[in-house]
C-alpha atoms as a PDB file:
ATOM      1  CA  MET A   1      18.080  36.903   8.690  1.00  0.00           C
ATOM      2  CA  TYR A   2      21.013  34.502   8.496  1.00  0.00           C
ATOM      3  CA  LEU A   3      22.362  36.062   5.267  1.00  0.00           C
ATOM      4  CA  SER A   4      22.872  39.586   6.618  1.00  0.00           C
ATOM      5  CA  ASP A   5      26.520  40.672   6.543  1.00  0.00           C
ATOM      6  CA  LYS A   6      27.523  37.286   5.114  1.00  0.00           C
ATOM      7  CA  THR A   7      29.476  36.456   1.960  1.00  0.00           C
ATOM      8  CA  ILE A   8      27.312  34.387  -0.372  1.00  0.00           C
ATOM      9  CA  LEU A   9      28.285  32.277  -3.404  1.00  0.00           C
ATOM     10  CA  ILE A  10      25.612  31.345  -5.958  1.00  0.00           C
ATOM     11  CA  THR A  11      26.514  28.816  -8.639  1.00  0.00           C
ATOM     12  CA  GLY A  12      24.473  28.869 -11.840  1.00  0.00           C
ATOM     13  CA  GLY A  13      23.478  32.453 -11.106  1.00  0.00           C
ATOM     14  CA  ALA A  14      22.652  33.205 -14.750  1.00  0.00           C
ATOM     15  CA  GLY A  15      19.769  30.704 -14.780  1.00  0.00           C
ATOM     16  CA  THR A  16      16.131  31.490 -14.082  1.00  0.00           C
ATOM     17  CA  VAL A  17      16.166  30.576 -10.383  1.00  0.00           C
ATOM     18  CA  GLY A  18      19.755  31.748  -9.931  1.00  0.00           C
ATOM     19  CA  ARG A  19      18.986  35.272 -11.151  1.00  0.00           C
ATOM     20  CA  GLU A  20      15.979  35.602  -8.837  1.00  0.00           C
ATOM     21  CA  LEU A  21      18.048  34.219  -5.981  1.00  0.00           C
ATOM     22  CA  ILE A  22      20.628  36.938  -6.616  1.00  0.00           C
ATOM     23  CA  ARG A  23      17.910  39.608  -6.539  1.00  0.00           C
ATOM     24  CA  GLN A  24      16.447  38.378  -3.265  1.00  0.00           C
ATOM     25  CA  VAL A  25      19.798  37.785  -1.568  1.00  0.00           C
ATOM     26  CA  MET A  26      21.022  41.246  -2.553  1.00  0.00           C
ATOM     27  CA  SER A  27      18.007  42.754  -0.767  1.00  0.00           C
ATOM     28  CA  LEU A  28      18.912  41.049   2.527  1.00  0.00           C
ATOM     29  CA  GLY A  29      22.058  43.038   3.289  1.00  0.00           C
ATOM     30  CA  PRO A  30      24.880  40.590   2.521  1.00  0.00           C
ATOM     31  CA  ALA A  31      28.489  41.656   2.857  1.00  0.00           C
ATOM     32  CA  GLU A  32      29.236  40.298  -0.631  1.00  0.00           C
ATOM     33  CA  VAL A  33      27.581  38.168  -3.297  1.00  0.00           C
ATOM     34  CA  ARG A  34      29.705  36.096  -5.670  1.00  0.00           C
ATOM     35  CA  VAL A  35      28.252  34.351  -8.703  1.00  0.00           C
ATOM     36  CA  VAL A  36      29.832  31.743 -10.943  1.00  0.00           C
ATOM     37  CA  ASP A  37      28.313  30.566 -14.232  1.00  0.00           C
ATOM     38  CA  ASN A  38      29.697  29.182 -17.500  1.00  0.00           C
ATOM     39  CA  ASN A  39      27.531  31.482 -19.646  1.00  0.00           C
ATOM     40  CA  GLU A  40      29.982  34.292 -20.450  1.00  0.00           C
ATOM     41  CA  THR A  41      27.433  36.685 -21.970  1.00  0.00           C
ATOM     42  CA  ALA A  42      24.990  36.273 -19.081  1.00  0.00           C
ATOM     43  CA  VAL A  43      27.806  36.805 -16.563  1.00  0.00           C
ATOM     44  CA  PHE A  44      28.762  40.074 -18.317  1.00  0.00           C
ATOM     45  CA  PHE A  45      25.191  41.363 -18.090  1.00  0.00           C
ATOM     46  CA  LEU A  46      24.877  40.345 -14.431  1.00  0.00           C
ATOM     47  CA  GLU A  47      27.999  42.331 -13.605  1.00  0.00           C
ATOM     48  CA  GLU A  48      26.664  45.261 -15.579  1.00  0.00           C
ATOM     49  CA  GLU A  49      23.264  45.109 -13.865  1.00  0.00           C
ATOM     50  CA  TYR A  50      24.547  44.992 -10.302  1.00  0.00           C
ATOM     51  CA  CYS A  51      27.856  46.836 -10.451  1.00  0.00           C
ATOM     52  CA  GLY A  52      27.794  49.284 -13.332  1.00  0.00           C
ATOM     53  CA  GLY A  53      29.410  47.144 -15.963  1.00  0.00           C
ATOM     54  CA  GLY A  54      32.370  44.857 -16.423  1.00  0.00           C
ATOM     55  CA  ALA A  55      35.840  46.336 -16.024  1.00  0.00           C
ATOM     56  CA  GLY A  56      34.326  49.704 -15.150  1.00  0.00           C
ATOM     57  CA  ALA A  57      32.612  48.360 -12.025  1.00  0.00           C
ATOM     58  CA  ALA A  58      33.258  50.220  -8.802  1.00  0.00           C
ATOM     59  CA  PRO A  59      36.063  48.579  -6.775  1.00  0.00           C
ATOM     60  CA  ASP A  60      33.941  48.588  -3.610  1.00  0.00           C
ATOM     61  CA  CYS A  61      30.933  46.885  -5.250  1.00  0.00           C
ATOM     62  CA  ASP A  62      29.518  44.057  -3.127  1.00  0.00           C
ATOM     63  CA  PHE A  63      28.556  41.944  -6.177  1.00  0.00           C
ATOM     64  CA  HIS A  64      31.014  39.976  -8.307  1.00  0.00           C
ATOM     65  CA  ALA A  65      30.176  37.639 -11.196  1.00  0.00           C
ATOM     66  CA  TYR A  66      32.729  35.225 -12.645  1.00  0.00           C
ATOM     67  CA  VAL A  67      32.928  32.883 -15.610  1.00  0.00           C
ATOM     68  CA  GLY A  68      33.592  29.382 -14.348  1.00  0.00           C
ATOM     69  CA  ASP A  69      32.371  25.816 -14.244  1.00  0.00           C
ATOM     70  CA  ILE A  70      31.567  23.606 -11.271  1.00  0.00           C
ATOM     71  CA  ARG A  71      33.554  20.842 -12.953  1.00  0.00           C
ATOM     72  CA  ASP A  72      36.669  22.891 -12.103  1.00  0.00           C
ATOM     73  CA  PHE A  73      37.526  22.112  -8.471  1.00  0.00           C
ATOM     74  CA  ASP A  74      40.388  24.599  -8.237  1.00  0.00           C
ATOM     75  CA  LYS A  75      38.086  27.391  -9.414  1.00  0.00           C
ATOM     76  CA  LEU A  76      35.486  26.497  -6.788  1.00  0.00           C
ATOM     77  CA  ARG A  77      38.081  26.274  -4.047  1.00  0.00           C
ATOM     78  CA  ARG A  78      39.289  29.792  -4.828  1.00  0.00           C
ATOM     79  CA  MET A  79      35.745  31.130  -5.211  1.00  0.00           C
ATOM     80  CA  MET A  80      34.775  29.848  -1.753  1.00  0.00           C
ATOM     81  CA  ASP A  81      37.650  31.519   0.072  1.00  0.00           C
ATOM     82  CA  GLY A  82      35.965  33.700   2.706  1.00  0.00           C
ATOM     83  CA  VAL A  83      32.431  32.562   1.795  1.00  0.00           C
ATOM     84  CA  ASP A  84      29.829  31.812   4.480  1.00  0.00           C
ATOM     85  CA  VAL A  85      26.879  30.378   2.510  1.00  0.00           C
ATOM     86  CA  VAL A  86      26.725  28.568  -0.861  1.00  0.00           C
ATOM     87  CA  PHE A  87      23.552  28.191  -2.935  1.00  0.00           C
ATOM     88  CA  HIS A  88      24.294  25.542  -5.547  1.00  0.00           C
ATOM     89  CA  CYS A  89      21.968  26.036  -8.538  1.00  0.00           C
ATOM     90  CA  ALA A  90      24.256  25.085 -11.452  1.00  0.00           C
ATOM     91  CA  ALA A  91      23.165  21.896 -13.227  1.00  0.00           C
ATOM     92  CA  LEU A  92      22.284  20.270 -16.517  1.00  0.00           C
ATOM     93  CA  LYS A  93      18.485  20.222 -16.327  1.00  0.00           C
ATOM     94  CA  HIS A  94      17.058  19.229 -19.715  1.00  0.00           C
ATOM     95  CA  VAL A  95      15.887  15.610 -19.656  1.00  0.00           C
ATOM     96  CA  ILE A  96      16.447  14.796 -23.338  1.00  0.00           C
ATOM     97  CA  LEU A  97      19.851  16.502 -23.528  1.00  0.00           C
ATOM     98  CA  CYS A  98      21.061  14.620 -20.443  1.00  0.00           C
ATOM     99  CA  GLU A  99      19.793  11.375 -21.998  1.00  0.00           C
ATOM    100  CA  LYS A 100      21.783  12.112 -25.168  1.00  0.00           C
ATOM    101  CA  SER A 101      24.878  13.227 -23.225  1.00  0.00           C
ATOM    102  CA  PRO A 102      24.875  11.104 -20.068  1.00  0.00           C
ATOM    103  CA  HIS A 103      28.586  11.522 -19.348  1.00  0.00           C
ATOM    104  CA  ASP A 104      28.162  15.289 -19.270  1.00  0.00           C
ATOM    105  CA  ALA A 105      25.225  14.911 -16.866  1.00  0.00           C
ATOM    106  CA  VAL A 106      27.486  12.879 -14.569  1.00  0.00           C
ATOM    107  CA  GLN A 107      30.331  15.403 -14.853  1.00  0.00           C
ATOM    108  CA  THR A 108      28.105  18.348 -13.908  1.00  0.00           C
ATOM    109  CA  ASN A 109      25.306  16.951 -11.752  1.00  0.00           C
ATOM    110  CA  ILE A 110      27.328  14.391  -9.788  1.00  0.00           C
ATOM    111  CA  ASN A 111      31.037  15.239  -9.993  1.00  0.00           C
ATOM    112  CA  GLY A 112      30.143  18.940  -9.826  1.00  0.00           C
ATOM    113  CA  VAL A 113      28.307  18.355  -6.534  1.00  0.00           C
ATOM    114  CA  LYS A 114      31.328  16.437  -5.219  1.00  0.00           C
ATOM    115  CA  ASN A 115      33.502  19.442  -6.094  1.00  0.00           C
ATOM    116  CA  ILE A 116      31.117  21.757  -4.236  1.00  0.00           C
ATOM    117  CA  ILE A 117      31.283  19.525  -1.153  1.00  0.00           C
ATOM    118  CA  ASP A 118      35.074  19.212  -1.183  1.00  0.00           C
ATOM    119  CA  ALA A 119      35.622  22.938  -1.725  1.00  0.00           C
ATOM    120  CA  ALA A 120      33.100  23.792   1.006  1.00  0.00           C
ATOM    121  CA  LEU A 121      34.785  21.504   3.540  1.00  0.00           C
ATOM    122  CA  GLU A 122      38.221  22.853   2.660  1.00  0.00           C
ATOM    123  CA  ASN A 123      36.995  26.412   3.249  1.00  0.00           C
ATOM    124  CA  ASP A 124      34.871  25.593   6.331  1.00  0.00           C
ATOM    125  CA  ILE A 125      31.726  27.059   4.748  1.00  0.00           C
ATOM    126  CA  GLU A 126      28.827  27.644   7.142  1.00  0.00           C
ATOM    127  CA  ARG A 127      25.984  26.319   4.931  1.00  0.00           C
ATOM    128  CA  VAL A 128      25.625  24.669   1.516  1.00  0.00           C
ATOM    129  CA  ILE A 129      22.133  24.509  -0.005  1.00  0.00           C
ATOM    130  CA  PHE A 130      21.661  22.316  -3.079  1.00  0.00           C
ATOM    131  CA  THR A 131      18.701  22.990  -5.384  1.00  0.00           C
ATOM    132  CA  SER A 132      17.183  19.717  -6.565  1.00  0.00           C
ATOM    133  CA  SER A 133      14.247  18.645  -8.724  1.00  0.00           C
ATOM    134  CA  ASP A 134      11.036  16.639  -8.578  1.00  0.00           C
ATOM    135  CA  LYS A 135      12.663  14.379 -11.164  1.00  0.00           C
ATOM    136  CA  ALA A 136      14.953  13.041  -8.425  1.00  0.00           C
ATOM    137  CA  VAL A 137      11.954  11.138  -6.978  1.00  0.00           C
ATOM    138  CA  ASN A 138      11.662   7.622  -8.456  1.00  0.00           C
ATOM    139  CA  PRO A 139      13.709   8.780 -11.469  1.00  0.00           C
ATOM    140  CA  THR A 140      13.011   7.487 -14.966  1.00  0.00           C
ATOM    141  CA  ASN A 141      15.890   9.222 -16.753  1.00  0.00           C
ATOM    142  CA  VAL A 142      19.552  10.186 -16.508  1.00  0.00           C
ATOM    143  CA  MET A 143      18.835  13.752 -15.403  1.00  0.00           C
ATOM    144  CA  GLY A 144      16.582  12.699 -12.524  1.00  0.00           C
ATOM    145  CA  THR A 145      18.990   9.968 -11.454  1.00  0.00           C
ATOM    146  CA  SER A 146      21.909  12.415 -11.460  1.00  0.00           C
ATOM    147  CA  LYS A 147      19.932  14.894  -9.335  1.00  0.00           C
ATOM    148  CA  LEU A 148      19.005  12.115  -6.900  1.00  0.00           C
ATOM    149  CA  MET A 149      22.685  11.233  -6.596  1.00  0.00           C
ATOM    150  CA  GLY A 150      23.413  14.907  -5.974  1.00  0.00           C
ATOM    151  CA  GLU A 151      20.903  14.889  -3.093  1.00  0.00           C
ATOM    152  CA  ARG A 152      22.450  11.733  -1.666  1.00  0.00           C
ATOM    153  CA  LEU A 153      25.953  13.200  -1.839  1.00  0.00           C
ATOM    154  CA  ILE A 154      24.839  16.414  -0.125  1.00  0.00           C
ATOM    155  CA  THR A 155      23.123  14.470   2.669  1.00  0.00           C
ATOM    156  CA  ALA A 156      26.074  12.103   3.103  1.00  0.00           C
ATOM    157  CA  ALA A 157      28.506  15.052   3.219  1.00  0.00           C
ATOM    158  CA  ASN A 158      27.297  15.749   6.759  1.00  0.00           C
ATOM    159  CA  SER A 159      29.223  12.641   7.843  1.00  0.00           C
ATOM    160  CA  LEU A 160      32.491  14.005   6.384  1.00  0.00           C
ATOM    161  CA  LYS A 161      32.815  17.347   8.137  1.00  0.00           C
ATOM    162  CA  ARG A 162      34.327  16.192  11.456  1.00  0.00           C
ATOM    163  CA  SER A 163      35.352  19.414  13.238  1.00  0.00           C
ATOM    164  CA  ARG A 164      34.131  21.672  10.437  1.00  0.00           C
ATOM    165  CA  ARG A 165      30.933  23.675  10.865  1.00  0.00           C
ATOM    166  CA  THR A 166      29.424  23.068   7.420  1.00  0.00           C
ATOM    167  CA  ILE A 167      25.716  22.198   7.191  1.00  0.00           C
ATOM    168  CA  PHE A 168      24.749  20.499   3.922  1.00  0.00           C
ATOM    169  CA  SER A 169      21.098  20.393   2.864  1.00  0.00           C
ATOM    170  CA  SER A 170      18.886  20.211  -0.258  1.00  0.00           C
ATOM    171  CA  THR A 171      15.721  21.934  -1.434  1.00  0.00           C
ATOM    172  CA  ARG A 172      13.533  20.048  -3.918  1.00  0.00           C
ATOM    173  CA  PHE A 173      10.843  21.737  -5.978  1.00  0.00           C
ATOM    174  CA  GLY A 174       8.810  21.159  -9.131  1.00  0.00           C
ATOM    175  CA  ASN A 175       8.103  23.255 -12.199  1.00  0.00           C
ATOM    176  CA  VAL A 176       9.002  26.926 -12.114  1.00  0.00           C
ATOM    177  CA  ILE A 177       6.235  28.289 -14.305  1.00  0.00           C
ATOM    178  CA  GLY A 178       7.546  30.380 -17.180  1.00  0.00           C
ATOM    179  CA  SER A 179      11.166  29.274 -16.897  1.00  0.00           C
ATOM    180  CA  ARG A 180      13.163  28.520 -20.035  1.00  0.00           C
ATOM    181  CA  GLY A 181      11.730  25.528 -21.895  1.00  0.00           C
ATOM    182  CA  SER A 182       8.673  25.227 -19.642  1.00  0.00           C
ATOM    183  CA  VAL A 183       5.248  24.309 -21.030  1.00  0.00           C
ATOM    184  CA  PHE A 184       4.077  27.831 -20.142  1.00  0.00           C
ATOM    185  CA  SER A 185       6.566  29.374 -22.569  1.00  0.00           C
ATOM    186  CA  VAL A 186       5.778  26.706 -25.213  1.00  0.00           C
ATOM    187  CA  PHE A 187       2.035  27.446 -25.025  1.00  0.00           C
ATOM    188  CA  TYR A 188       2.760  31.180 -25.201  1.00  0.00           C
ATOM    189  CA  ARG A 189       4.720  30.798 -28.447  1.00  0.00           C
ATOM    190  CA  GLN A 190       2.072  28.529 -29.975  1.00  0.00           C
ATOM    191  CA  ILE A 191      -0.727  30.990 -29.180  1.00  0.00           C
ATOM    192  CA  ARG A 192       1.339  33.928 -30.433  1.00  0.00           C
ATOM    193  CA  ASP A 193       2.031  32.121 -33.706  1.00  0.00           C
ATOM    194  CA  GLY A 194      -1.574  30.932 -34.123  1.00  0.00           C
ATOM    195  CA  LYS A 195      -0.637  27.251 -33.945  1.00  0.00           C
ATOM    196  CA  PRO A 196      -2.442  24.359 -32.253  1.00  0.00           C
ATOM    197  CA  LEU A 197      -1.406  23.819 -28.645  1.00  0.00           C
ATOM    198  CA  THR A 198       0.370  20.483 -28.182  1.00  0.00           C
ATOM    199  CA  LEU A 199      -0.822  18.613 -25.090  1.00  0.00           C
ATOM    200  CA  THR A 200       0.920  15.433 -23.987  1.00  0.00           C
ATOM    201  CA  ASP A 201      -2.033  13.946 -22.082  1.00  0.00           C
ATOM    202  CA  PRO A 202      -5.342  15.430 -20.795  1.00  0.00           C
ATOM    203  CA  HIS A 203      -4.818  13.752 -17.398  1.00  0.00           C
ATOM    204  CA  MET A 204      -1.292  15.065 -16.810  1.00  0.00           C
ATOM    205  CA  THR A 205      -0.857  17.031 -13.557  1.00  0.00           C
ATOM    206  CA  ARG A 206       2.053  19.093 -12.273  1.00  0.00           C
ATOM    207  CA  PHE A 207       3.128  21.119  -9.259  1.00  0.00           C
ATOM    208  CA  ILE A 208       3.906  24.744 -10.134  1.00  0.00           C
ATOM    209  CA  MET A 209       5.467  27.756  -8.476  1.00  0.00           C
ATOM    210  CA  THR A 210       6.722  31.153  -9.549  1.00  0.00           C
ATOM    211  CA  VAL A 211      10.441  31.882  -9.692  1.00  0.00           C
ATOM    212  CA  GLU A 212       9.995  34.330  -6.795  1.00  0.00           C
ATOM    213  CA  GLU A 213       8.434  31.576  -4.672  1.00  0.00           C
ATOM    214  CA  ALA A 214      11.183  29.125  -5.650  1.00  0.00           C
ATOM    215  CA  ALA A 215      13.991  31.483  -4.628  1.00  0.00           C
ATOM    216  CA  ARG A 216      12.249  32.512  -1.418  1.00  0.00           C
ATOM    217  CA  LEU A 217      11.792  28.904  -0.341  1.00  0.00           C
ATOM    218  CA  VAL A 218      15.412  28.031  -1.179  1.00  0.00           C
ATOM    219  CA  ILE A 219      16.483  30.864   1.130  1.00  0.00           C
ATOM    220  CA  GLU A 220      13.987  29.792   3.805  1.00  0.00           C
ATOM    221  CA  GLY A 221      15.172  26.187   3.623  1.00  0.00           C
ATOM    222  CA  GLY A 222      18.746  27.358   4.009  1.00  0.00           C
ATOM    223  CA  GLY A 223      17.851  29.114   7.242  1.00  0.00           C
ATOM    224  CA  LEU A 224      16.002  26.068   8.617  1.00  0.00           C
ATOM    225  CA  ALA A 225      18.677  23.507   7.667  1.00  0.00           C
ATOM    226  CA  ARG A 226      20.133  21.410  10.461  1.00  0.00           C
ATOM    227  CA  GLY A 227      22.065  18.991   8.256  1.00  0.00           C
ATOM    228  CA  GLY A 228      21.195  16.344   5.678  1.00  0.00           C
ATOM    229  CA  GLU A 229      17.526  17.156   5.120  1.00  0.00           C
ATOM    230  CA  VAL A 230      15.784  17.431   1.791  1.00  0.00           C
ATOM    231  CA  PHE A 231      13.255  20.262   2.000  1.00  0.00           C
ATOM    232  CA  VAL A 232      10.220  19.676  -0.226  1.00  0.00           C
ATOM    233  CA  THR A 233       8.324  22.840  -1.013  1.00  0.00           C
ATOM    234  CA  LYS A 234       4.532  22.934  -0.874  1.00  0.00           C
ATOM    235  CA  MET A 235       3.139  23.960  -4.238  1.00  0.00           C
ATOM    236  CA  PRO A 236      -0.217  24.380  -6.022  1.00  0.00           C
ATOM    237  CA  ILE A 237      -1.230  21.701  -8.533  1.00  0.00           C
ATOM    238  CA  ILE A 238      -2.540  22.145 -12.072  1.00  0.00           C
ATOM    239  CA  ARG A 239      -3.748  20.008 -14.942  1.00  0.00           C
ATOM    240  CA  ILE A 240      -1.719  20.829 -18.047  1.00  0.00           C
ATOM    241  CA  GLU A 241      -4.922  20.875 -20.119  1.00  0.00           C
ATOM    242  CA  ASP A 242      -6.339  23.559 -17.794  1.00  0.00           C
ATOM    243  CA  LEU A 243      -3.160  25.607 -18.267  1.00  0.00           C
ATOM    244  CA  ALA A 244      -3.646  25.462 -22.045  1.00  0.00           C
ATOM    245  CA  HIS A 245      -7.240  26.696 -21.759  1.00  0.00           C
ATOM    246  CA  ALA A 246      -6.323  29.408 -19.254  1.00  0.00           C
ATOM    247  CA  MET A 247      -3.581  30.748 -21.499  1.00  0.00           C
ATOM    248  CA  ILE A 248      -5.863  30.731 -24.541  1.00  0.00           C
ATOM    249  CA  ASP A 249      -8.414  32.742 -22.543  1.00  0.00           C
ATOM    250  CA  LEU A 250      -5.773  35.248 -21.437  1.00  0.00           C
ATOM    251  CA  LEU A 251      -3.817  35.582 -24.692  1.00  0.00           C
ATOM    252  CA  SER A 252      -6.115  35.071 -27.679  1.00  0.00           C
ATOM    253  CA  ARG A 253      -7.351  38.689 -27.826  1.00  0.00           C
ATOM    254  CA  ARG A 254      -3.841  40.024 -27.295  1.00  0.00           C
ATOM    255  CA  PHE A 255      -2.850  38.429 -30.606  1.00  0.00           C
ATOM    256  CA  GLY A 256      -6.027  39.393 -32.471  1.00  0.00           C
ATOM    257  CA  ARG A 257      -7.784  36.041 -32.230  1.00  0.00           C
ATOM    258  CA  THR A 258     -10.597  34.377 -30.304  1.00  0.00           C
ATOM    259  CA  ALA A 259     -10.469  31.320 -28.071  1.00  0.00           C
ATOM    260  CA  SER A 260     -12.340  29.292 -30.690  1.00  0.00           C
ATOM    261  CA  ASP A 261      -9.461  29.822 -33.151  1.00  0.00           C
ATOM    262  CA  PHE A 262      -7.229  27.439 -31.201  1.00  0.00           C
ATOM    263  CA  ASP A 263      -7.159  23.665 -31.187  1.00  0.00           C
ATOM    264  CA  ILE A 264      -5.558  21.573 -28.474  1.00  0.00           C
ATOM    265  CA  ARG A 265      -3.843  18.587 -30.037  1.00  0.00           C
ATOM    266  CA  VAL A 266      -2.988  15.551 -27.878  1.00  0.00           C
ATOM    267  CA  VAL A 267       0.452  14.293 -28.910  1.00  0.00           C
ATOM    268  CA  GLY A 268       1.169  11.740 -26.184  1.00  0.00           C
ATOM    269  CA  ALA A 269       3.665  11.731 -23.336  1.00  0.00           C
ATOM    270  CA  LYS A 270       7.362  11.885 -24.139  1.00  0.00           C
ATOM    271  CA  PRO A 271       9.534   8.854 -23.374  1.00  0.00           C
ATOM    272  CA  GLY A 272      10.137   8.605 -19.629  1.00  0.00           C
ATOM    273  CA  GLU A 273       7.604  11.351 -18.865  1.00  0.00           C
ATOM    274  CA  LYS A 274       5.229  10.748 -15.938  1.00  0.00           C
ATOM    275  CA  LEU A 275       1.514  11.608 -15.984  1.00  0.00           C
ATOM    276  CA  TYR A 276       1.859  12.996 -12.472  1.00  0.00           C
ATOM    277  CA  GLU A 277       4.621  14.654 -10.516  1.00  0.00           C
ATOM    278  CA  GLU A 278       6.254  13.258  -7.390  1.00  0.00           C
ATOM    279  CA  LEU A 279       7.915  15.516  -4.846  1.00  0.00           C
ATOM    280  CA  MET A 280       8.105  13.017  -1.993  1.00  0.00           C
ATOM    281  CA  SER A 281       7.989   9.240  -2.254  1.00  0.00           C
ATOM    282  CA  ASP A 282       6.190   6.656  -0.121  1.00  0.00           C
ATOM    283  CA  GLU A 283       9.441   5.644   1.557  1.00  0.00           C
ATOM    284  CA  GLU A 284      10.334   9.238   2.399  1.00  0.00           C
ATOM    285  CA  THR A 285       7.061   9.876   4.240  1.00  0.00           C
ATOM    286  CA  ARG A 286       8.245   7.586   7.046  1.00  0.00           C
ATOM    287  CA  ARG A 287      11.082   9.973   7.874  1.00  0.00           C
ATOM    288  CA  ALA A 288       9.452  13.282   6.965  1.00  0.00           C
ATOM    289  CA  VAL A 289       8.034  16.079   9.092  1.00  0.00           C
ATOM    290  CA  GLU A 290       5.672  18.834   7.983  1.00  0.00           C
ATOM    291  CA  LEU A 291       6.526  22.514   8.374  1.00  0.00           C
ATOM    292  CA  ARG A 292       4.424  25.555   7.481  1.00  0.00           C
ATOM    293  CA  ASN A 293       5.666  26.009   3.898  1.00  0.00           C
ATOM    294  CA  MET A 294       7.418  22.712   3.220  1.00  0.00           C
ATOM    295  CA  PHE A 295       8.149  19.173   4.276  1.00  0.00           C
ATOM    296  CA  ALA A 296      11.557  18.129   5.593  1.00  0.00           C
ATOM    297  CA  VAL A 297      12.711  14.629   4.667  1.00  0.00           C
ATOM    298  CA  LEU A 298      15.246  13.629   7.308  1.00  0.00           C
ATOM    299  CA  PRO A 299      18.307  11.484   6.480  1.00  0.00           C
ATOM    300  CA  ALA A 300      17.788   7.732   6.311  1.00  0.00           C
ATOM    301  CA  PHE A 301      21.172   6.945   7.925  1.00  0.00           C
ATOM    302  CA  ARG A 302      21.227   9.387  10.815  1.00  0.00           C
ATOM    303  CA  SER A 303      23.395   7.045  12.886  1.00  0.00           C
ATOM    304  CA  VAL A 304      26.476   7.875  10.780  1.00  0.00           C
ATOM    305  CA  TYR A 305      26.262  11.604  11.616  1.00  0.00           C
ATOM    306  CA  ARG A 306      27.041  13.270  14.876  1.00  0.00           C
ATOM    307  CA  ALA A 307      23.891  14.018  16.876  1.00  0.00           C
ATOM    308  CA  ILE A 308      21.705  16.557  15.046  1.00  0.00           C
ATOM    309  CA  GLU A 309      18.608  18.080  16.615  1.00  0.00           C
ATOM    310  CA  TYR A 310      15.931  18.641  13.961  1.00  0.00           C
ATOM    311  CA  ASP A 311      14.172  21.312  16.022  1.00  0.00           C
ATOM    312  CA  TYR A 312      12.307  23.419  13.478  1.00  0.00           C
ATOM    313  CA  PRO A 313      10.477  26.505  14.809  1.00  0.00           C
ATOM    314  CA  ASP A 314       7.449  26.093  12.506  1.00  0.00           C
ATOM    315  CA  LEU A 315       6.876  22.336  12.932  1.00  0.00           C
ATOM    316  CA  MET A 316       3.249  21.355  12.239  1.00  0.00           C
ATOM    317  CA  THR A 317       3.489  17.575  12.634  1.00  0.00           C
ATOM    318  CA  ASP A 318       6.230  14.949  12.877  1.00  0.00           C
ATOM    319  CA  GLN A 319       4.066  12.330  11.168  1.00  0.00           C
ATOM    320  CA  VAL A 320       3.463  12.460   7.413  1.00  0.00           C
ATOM    321  CA  SER A 321       1.216   9.725   6.026  1.00  0.00           C
ATOM    322  CA  GLU A 322       0.760  10.657   2.358  1.00  0.00           C
ATOM    323  CA  PRO A 323       3.467  10.921  -0.328  1.00  0.00           C
ATOM    324  CA  TYR A 324       3.486  14.320  -1.986  1.00  0.00           C
ATOM    325  CA  VAL A 325       2.264  13.420  -5.475  1.00  0.00           C
ATOM    326  CA  SER A 326       0.312  15.702  -7.813  1.00  0.00           C
ATOM    327  CA  ASN A 327      -2.482  13.233  -8.672  1.00  0.00           C
ATOM    328  CA  ARG A 328      -3.464  12.788  -4.998  1.00  0.00           C
ATOM    329  CA  TYR A 329      -4.597  16.371  -4.443  1.00  0.00           C
ATOM    330  CA  ALA A 330      -7.184  18.635  -6.051  1.00  0.00           C
ATOM    331  CA  PRO A 331      -5.781  20.858  -8.826  1.00  0.00           C
ATOM    332  CA  MET A 332      -6.507  24.549  -9.210  1.00  0.00           C
ATOM    333  CA  SER A 333      -9.644  25.390 -11.172  1.00  0.00           C
ATOM    334  CA  ARG A 334      -9.254  27.153 -14.509  1.00  0.00           C
ATOM    335  CA  GLU A 335     -10.489  30.376 -12.950  1.00  0.00           C
ATOM    336  CA  GLU A 336      -7.966  30.077 -10.098  1.00  0.00           C
ATOM    337  CA  LEU A 337      -5.246  29.349 -12.640  1.00  0.00           C
ATOM    338  CA  ARG A 338      -6.121  32.429 -14.699  1.00  0.00           C
ATOM    339  CA  GLU A 339      -6.002  34.527 -11.516  1.00  0.00           C
ATOM    340  CA  TYR A 340      -2.644  32.967 -10.571  1.00  0.00           C
ATOM    341  CA  ILE A 341      -1.143  33.792 -13.974  1.00  0.00           C
ATOM    342  CA  ALA A 342      -2.551  37.328 -14.005  1.00  0.00           C
ATOM    343  CA  GLY A 343      -1.814  38.057 -10.340  1.00  0.00           C
ATOM    344  CA  ASN A 344       1.827  37.031 -10.682  1.00  0.00           C
ATOM    345  CA  LYS A 345       2.149  38.895 -14.020  1.00  0.00           C
ATOM    346  CA  LEU A 346       3.637  35.765 -15.596  1.00  0.00           C
ATOM    347  CA  ILE A 347       2.799  36.733 -19.180  1.00  0.00           C
ATOM    348  CA  GLU A 348       4.307  40.193 -18.774  1.00  0.00           C
ATOM    349  CA  LYS A 349       7.467  38.756 -17.182  1.00  0.00           C
ATOM    350  CA  LEU A 350       7.835  36.210 -19.977  1.00  0.00           C
ATOM    351  CA  GLU A 351       7.519  38.937 -22.603  1.00  0.00           C
ATOM    352  CA  GLN A 352      10.052  41.127 -20.808  1.00  0.00           C
ATOM    353  CA  GLY A 353      12.542  38.275 -20.589  1.00  0.00           C
ATOM    354  CA  VAL A 354      12.460  38.299 -16.787  1.00  0.00           C
ATOM    355  CA  LEU A 355      11.771  34.560 -16.654  1.00  0.00           C
ATOM    356  CA  GLY A 356      14.518  33.595 -19.070  1.00  0.00           C
END
C-alpha cells in the first residue's frame, strides 16, 4: 500500500468524509497523519480521539490535528513540510450557502485549491488527491462551478511541476448517504418527529455511497493516479421516493408509529436542482476508460504535459460509450435499498453521530 510509512496531510479532516479518511489511513501504517480544519472544536476532539487529548497528547504520537484554513497559503506551506501525500477534502459544499456567498466559495473552492497546488509544488509532494463532487458536471450553481474549476486547476497543475515529482489527480463522487444535510438525515428527523416527508420530485434519482466506500475509493484513486485524471466512482442508484418509503418501513415502529401514519408530500425541486445526477458527461466519455471500481477521465489537453502512461492494472475497457448519469441505469428496488441501509447500519451510525 502506497501510504505505508508515509506522512499524510488531510485537509477538511473534521468533515464526514475527512473523518472516515483519517480512520482508514491510520489503519494503513503511515509514519504520520496531519489534519488541518477550521473547526476548532472538531479539531480538539480529533486530537483527543487519536492522541489522548490536546496538550496532554504523547510527544511521539503519529497523529496531529491543527486549526487552519486552506485560504492561508503560509499555513499550508508549513503544514506540507515533509509530507508525502495530500488528500484535499476541505471545501464549501452547501449549494444555497455558496449561492448566497459566492465570493467565499471562490476563496475556498478555487483559491484554496490554488494554495494547495502551490504549497505542494514548493514542498515536492508525491501525490495530491482532490475530492470533487457530482455537481461539478454541467454545473447549475456557484458551488458546482467552483468544484469544476478546482478539478481543472488540479489537472492543469500537472503541467507546472517541471522537475518535481508531484502527481495531481481528482476523485469525483455523488451523495454520501447519511452525511450532514443529506436527504437521509432529513427523512430521519421527519420520521422521528412524526412529520410528513418532503419529497422534491417522485422521478428524482441519485447515486449513493456510504462514507466508508467514499473514503476507500479516494484512497484507491490516489494509488492509481498517474497525473491529471478525474476518477469517477461507480455507485448504486436510488429513487428518492423509494428512499422515503424504505426509511418509513425501517423507522416507523422504532418511533411508535406505523407506516400508514406518514404522508409523503411533493414540494418541488429546489432552484438549480437536477432531477437526475451526472457523474460523467457526454464529452468526458470520449476520453474515459473503465476500471473495476471506477472510471478514469483522462485530461483533455494531454499535449501540454510531459508523457504520462495511463497504465492501470485493473483496466476493463478503454472505450466508454455512455455518460454516467443516474437516470440511464436501473435503480435499486425498495427491498434492496432497505437491505443496503440495514446492512451498512446507516440508521445506527446516524444516531451515534458517526456520520456527522
